[in-house]
Protein backbone atom coordinates (compact mmCIF):
# COMPACT_ATOMS: atom_id res chain seq x y z
CA MET A 1 -0.09 -0.08 -0.02
CA LEU A 2 1.24 3.51 -1.05
CA SER A 3 1.96 5.93 1.80
CA LEU A 4 0.09 9.12 2.03
CA ARG A 5 3.28 10.95 1.02
CA THR A 6 3.99 9.00 -1.74
CA ILE A 7 0.36 9.28 -3.09
CA HIS A 8 0.93 13.24 -2.61
CA ALA A 9 3.90 13.10 -4.53
CA LEU A 10 2.42 11.26 -7.46
CA CYS A 11 -0.72 13.78 -7.37
CA ALA A 12 2.13 16.45 -7.89
CA ALA A 13 3.88 15.01 -10.45
CA LEU A 14 0.96 14.44 -12.48
CA ALA A 15 -0.15 17.86 -12.00
CA VAL A 16 3.04 19.23 -13.59
CA ALA A 17 3.05 16.90 -16.58
CA ALA A 18 -0.79 18.12 -17.16
CA LEU A 19 0.63 21.68 -17.25
CA VAL A 20 3.67 20.79 -19.24
CA SER A 21 1.42 18.72 -22.30
CA GLY A 22 -1.46 21.97 -22.06
CA CYS A 23 1.32 24.35 -22.98
CA GLU A 24 0.72 26.28 -26.32
CA THR A 25 3.39 25.71 -29.03
CA LYS A 26 3.68 27.15 -32.48
CA PRO A 27 4.88 24.18 -34.69
CA GLU A 28 6.23 25.26 -38.18
CA PRO A 29 4.06 24.96 -41.17
CA THR A 30 4.71 21.36 -42.64
CA ALA A 31 2.82 19.11 -44.83
CA GLN A 32 1.99 15.44 -43.56
CA PRO A 33 4.47 13.02 -44.60
CA PRO A 34 4.24 13.10 -48.69
CA VAL A 35 3.41 9.39 -48.74
CA PRO A 36 1.53 8.04 -45.57
CA ALA A 37 0.73 4.64 -46.08
CA ALA A 38 -2.08 5.43 -43.24
CA PRO A 39 -1.70 8.47 -40.91
CA GLN A 40 -2.24 7.59 -37.30
CA SER A 41 -5.08 10.25 -37.14
CA ALA A 42 -6.67 9.28 -40.60
CA GLN A 43 -9.45 6.71 -41.73
CA PRO A 44 -7.93 4.18 -44.39
CA ALA A 45 -8.60 5.22 -47.62
CA THR A 46 -11.10 2.26 -48.31
CA ALA A 47 -13.21 4.17 -45.64
CA ALA A 48 -13.81 7.44 -47.35
CA THR A 49 -16.34 7.97 -49.75
CA PRO A 50 -15.17 8.79 -53.13
CA ALA A 51 -16.46 11.76 -55.14
CA LYS A 52 -18.55 10.96 -57.65
CA ALA A 53 -18.07 13.87 -60.27
CA PRO A 54 -15.69 13.17 -63.18
CA VAL A 55 -12.21 14.38 -62.78
CA SER A 56 -10.05 16.23 -65.24
CA PRO A 57 -7.41 13.97 -66.73
CA GLN A 58 -4.83 16.96 -66.22
CA LEU A 59 -5.56 16.83 -62.23
CA LEU A 60 -4.44 12.98 -62.10
CA GLU A 61 -1.16 13.16 -64.27
CA PRO A 62 1.58 15.27 -62.21
CA GLU A 63 4.11 13.96 -64.44
CA LYS A 64 3.00 16.14 -67.40
CA ALA A 65 2.65 19.13 -65.42
CA THR A 66 6.34 20.58 -66.17
CA GLN A 67 6.19 23.76 -67.94
CA LYS A 68 8.70 26.26 -66.89
CA ALA A 69 7.16 29.37 -65.34
CA PRO A 70 7.75 33.14 -66.74
CA ASP A 71 10.60 34.84 -64.85
CA LYS A 72 7.63 37.00 -63.25
CA PHE A 73 3.92 36.09 -63.35
CA LYS A 74 0.95 37.10 -61.03
CA ALA A 75 -1.87 34.90 -60.19
CA LYS A 76 -5.43 36.23 -58.79
CA PHE A 77 -7.35 34.15 -55.93
CA THR A 78 -10.77 34.27 -55.99
CA THR A 79 -12.03 32.98 -52.52
CA THR A 80 -15.07 32.97 -50.23
CA LYS A 81 -13.70 36.45 -48.46
CA GLY A 82 -12.86 38.16 -51.87
CA ASP A 83 -9.93 38.65 -53.96
CA PHE A 84 -5.99 38.86 -53.66
CA THR A 85 -3.21 38.89 -56.09
CA VAL A 86 0.53 37.30 -55.82
CA GLU A 87 3.22 37.86 -57.62
CA VAL A 88 5.84 35.14 -58.26
CA THR A 89 9.45 35.74 -59.24
CA ARG A 90 10.98 32.49 -60.48
CA ASP A 91 14.40 33.20 -59.54
CA TRP A 92 13.65 33.50 -55.91
CA ALA A 93 12.88 29.60 -55.79
CA PRO A 94 12.61 28.11 -59.57
CA ASN A 95 11.25 24.62 -58.76
CA GLY A 96 8.56 25.89 -56.47
CA ALA A 97 7.57 28.65 -58.73
CA ASP A 98 7.31 25.70 -61.58
CA ARG A 99 5.45 23.54 -59.77
CA PHE A 100 2.74 26.77 -58.60
CA TYR A 101 2.56 27.79 -62.28
CA ASN A 102 1.62 24.24 -63.40
CA LEU A 103 -0.95 23.77 -60.53
CA VAL A 104 -2.76 27.23 -61.43
CA LYS A 105 -2.66 26.42 -65.25
CA ILE A 106 -4.36 22.84 -64.77
CA GLY A 107 -7.05 24.43 -62.47
CA TYR A 108 -6.05 22.60 -59.49
CA PHE A 109 -6.62 25.30 -56.83
CA THR A 110 -10.71 24.92 -57.43
CA ASP A 111 -12.74 24.65 -54.39
CA ILE A 112 -9.39 24.24 -51.93
CA ALA A 113 -9.82 24.90 -48.38
CA PHE A 114 -7.59 27.21 -46.21
CA PHE A 115 -7.61 24.21 -43.74
CA ARG A 116 -4.96 25.86 -41.19
CA ALA A 117 -4.96 29.35 -40.02
CA VAL A 118 -2.89 30.37 -36.85
CA ASP A 119 -3.42 33.84 -36.00
CA GLY A 120 -0.10 35.88 -36.49
CA PHE A 121 1.73 32.96 -38.02
CA MET A 122 0.61 31.74 -41.33
CA VAL A 123 -2.62 30.42 -43.50
CA GLN A 124 -2.01 27.03 -45.46
CA PHE A 125 -3.79 25.51 -48.21
CA GLY A 126 -3.17 23.05 -51.16
CA ILE A 127 -4.56 19.48 -50.30
CA HIS A 128 -7.32 19.08 -52.99
CA GLY A 129 -10.74 18.47 -51.95
CA ASP A 130 -11.26 14.87 -54.02
CA PRO A 131 -9.01 12.30 -52.33
CA ARG A 132 -8.70 10.60 -55.83
CA VAL A 133 -6.51 14.09 -56.77
CA SER A 134 -4.85 13.96 -53.47
CA THR A 135 -3.85 10.48 -53.96
CA ALA A 136 -2.09 11.55 -57.66
CA TRP A 137 -0.22 14.28 -56.04
CA ARG A 138 1.37 12.84 -52.81
CA SER A 139 4.19 11.43 -53.91
CA ALA A 140 4.74 14.22 -56.78
CA GLN A 141 7.75 15.78 -54.98
CA ILE A 142 9.91 18.54 -56.46
CA PRO A 143 13.32 19.36 -55.16
CA ASP A 144 14.47 21.77 -52.56
CA ASP A 145 15.30 25.37 -53.63
CA PRO A 146 17.78 27.17 -51.27
CA PRO A 147 15.74 30.18 -49.67
CA LYS A 148 16.71 33.37 -51.25
CA GLU A 149 14.00 35.62 -49.77
CA SER A 150 12.66 35.64 -46.00
CA ASN A 151 9.38 34.67 -44.94
CA LYS A 152 8.02 38.01 -44.57
CA ARG A 153 4.39 39.18 -43.70
CA GLY A 154 2.53 38.44 -47.04
CA TYR A 155 4.93 36.01 -48.58
CA LEU A 156 3.96 32.96 -50.46
CA THR A 157 5.72 29.66 -49.66
CA PHE A 158 5.71 25.86 -49.95
CA ALA A 159 5.09 23.52 -47.08
CA THR A 160 7.86 20.86 -46.70
CA SER A 161 7.62 17.79 -44.25
CA GLY A 162 11.66 17.25 -44.82
CA PRO A 163 14.18 17.27 -47.67
CA ASN A 164 12.95 17.40 -51.46
CA SER A 165 9.36 16.71 -49.97
CA ARG A 166 7.28 19.75 -51.48
CA THR A 167 3.89 18.71 -53.66
CA THR A 168 1.09 21.05 -53.62
CA GLN A 169 0.81 22.59 -50.11
CA LEU A 170 1.64 26.49 -49.59
CA PHE A 171 1.12 28.93 -46.64
CA ILE A 172 1.12 32.66 -46.84
CA ASN A 173 3.15 34.34 -43.79
CA TYR A 174 0.87 36.57 -41.39
CA GLY A 175 3.53 37.87 -39.55
CA ASP A 176 7.92 38.00 -39.96
CA ASN A 177 8.62 34.28 -39.60
CA ALA A 178 12.39 34.80 -40.64
CA ARG A 179 13.15 31.72 -38.44
CA LEU A 180 11.64 29.52 -41.17
CA ASP A 181 14.35 30.78 -43.51
CA SER A 182 17.43 28.67 -42.06
CA MET A 183 14.67 25.69 -42.13
CA GLY A 184 14.58 25.57 -45.79
CA PHE A 185 11.42 27.13 -46.47
CA ALA A 186 11.58 29.18 -49.77
CA PRO A 187 9.38 32.00 -50.71
CA ILE A 188 8.19 31.70 -54.28
CA GLY A 189 6.40 35.20 -54.53
CA LYS A 190 4.09 37.62 -52.26
CA VAL A 191 0.90 39.01 -51.77
CA ILE A 192 0.74 42.41 -53.91
CA GLU A 193 -2.94 43.28 -53.64
CA GLY A 194 -5.72 41.90 -51.24
CA MET A 195 -3.69 41.14 -48.23
CA ASP A 196 -6.70 42.33 -45.97
CA VAL A 197 -8.55 39.48 -47.62
CA VAL A 198 -5.94 37.06 -46.79
CA ASP A 199 -6.25 38.65 -43.01
CA SER A 200 -9.82 37.96 -42.98
CA LEU A 201 -9.53 34.10 -43.89
CA TYR A 202 -11.28 32.20 -40.87
CA LYS A 203 -8.62 31.42 -38.03
CA GLY A 204 -11.19 30.34 -35.31
CA TYR A 205 -10.18 26.69 -35.43
CA GLY A 206 -6.56 27.49 -34.87
CA GLU A 207 -3.66 25.12 -35.17
CA GLY A 208 -4.48 21.42 -36.80
CA ALA A 209 -4.90 18.08 -34.97
CA PRO A 210 -3.62 16.50 -33.18
CA ARG A 211 -1.69 19.67 -31.82
CA GLY A 212 -4.98 21.93 -32.08
CA ALA A 213 -8.81 21.87 -32.59
CA GLY A 214 -8.65 22.25 -36.48
CA PRO A 215 -8.62 19.90 -39.30
CA ASP A 216 -6.50 16.52 -39.59
CA GLN A 217 -4.25 16.77 -42.73
CA GLY A 218 -4.24 12.90 -42.94
CA ARG A 219 -8.60 12.96 -42.92
CA ILE A 220 -8.30 15.70 -45.47
CA GLN A 221 -6.04 13.88 -47.74
CA PHE A 222 -8.60 10.45 -47.56
CA GLN A 223 -11.76 11.95 -47.02
CA GLY A 224 -11.34 15.46 -48.98
CA ASN A 225 -13.83 18.28 -48.94
CA ALA A 226 -16.50 16.00 -47.45
CA TYR A 227 -14.75 15.65 -44.09
CA LEU A 228 -13.96 19.51 -44.04
CA ARG A 229 -17.80 20.57 -44.74
CA GLU A 230 -19.00 18.46 -42.36
CA GLN A 231 -16.84 18.67 -39.11
CA PHE A 232 -15.38 22.40 -40.22
CA PRO A 233 -18.18 24.07 -41.66
CA LYS A 234 -16.87 27.97 -41.20
CA LEU A 235 -13.68 27.39 -43.19
CA ASP A 236 -12.84 29.55 -46.13
CA TYR A 237 -12.21 28.36 -49.35
CA ILE A 238 -10.45 28.93 -52.90
CA LYS A 239 -13.00 29.26 -55.43
CA SER A 240 -10.41 29.60 -58.08
CA VAL A 241 -6.97 30.79 -58.77
CA THR A 242 -6.20 32.36 -62.44
CA LEU A 243 -2.84 33.73 -64.30
CA LEU A 244 -3.10 37.36 -65.06
């Protein structure tokens, strides 16, 4: 039988552990591992209900989306909160700029959720709403670009889960996140018009699962927008992105 003193000591230790585990952190903007066989927090692919609508063949063939981007180009985002425009400079991050350019050209960014928005940090997007498309792009990684520009407010950057792992996810910095530069996050462009729209995107869910109350990236990959609309109805979405 434990002594009263021992019981008190154990209770104190547990209280400290609870305080530590409850501390808020600001994890870096990373994508899920590019080829998750079965993310721990996601249901198996067989459990998801596949979309019934036809899918453009271009969205299922990432190996064909390889055009070189112009030295500079602009892209207009039409969202549920309004429009904003980004300007991409290829020299900043050629591989990333080419990938973004091709994603825009094939119409990838249609009905795409801003699924992770952390006030003062960044807003992230790029997992497709149709699980079939997500599956096609999950292993379509591009080589890293050494960062030439800093992750300043309004700068657009690809998310990454490690070396040479960028696929389709990007984020826009809400603040000065220069600490990300040394971690390999290479901006490809910046918002030149409509940053107030970016600021207004819904942030109420906060950090993503399992570290926060927001959506789980694994479940988005396997269940798409059906999961998001059912459990996170307040999220904002990209309606379309067009080259200017």
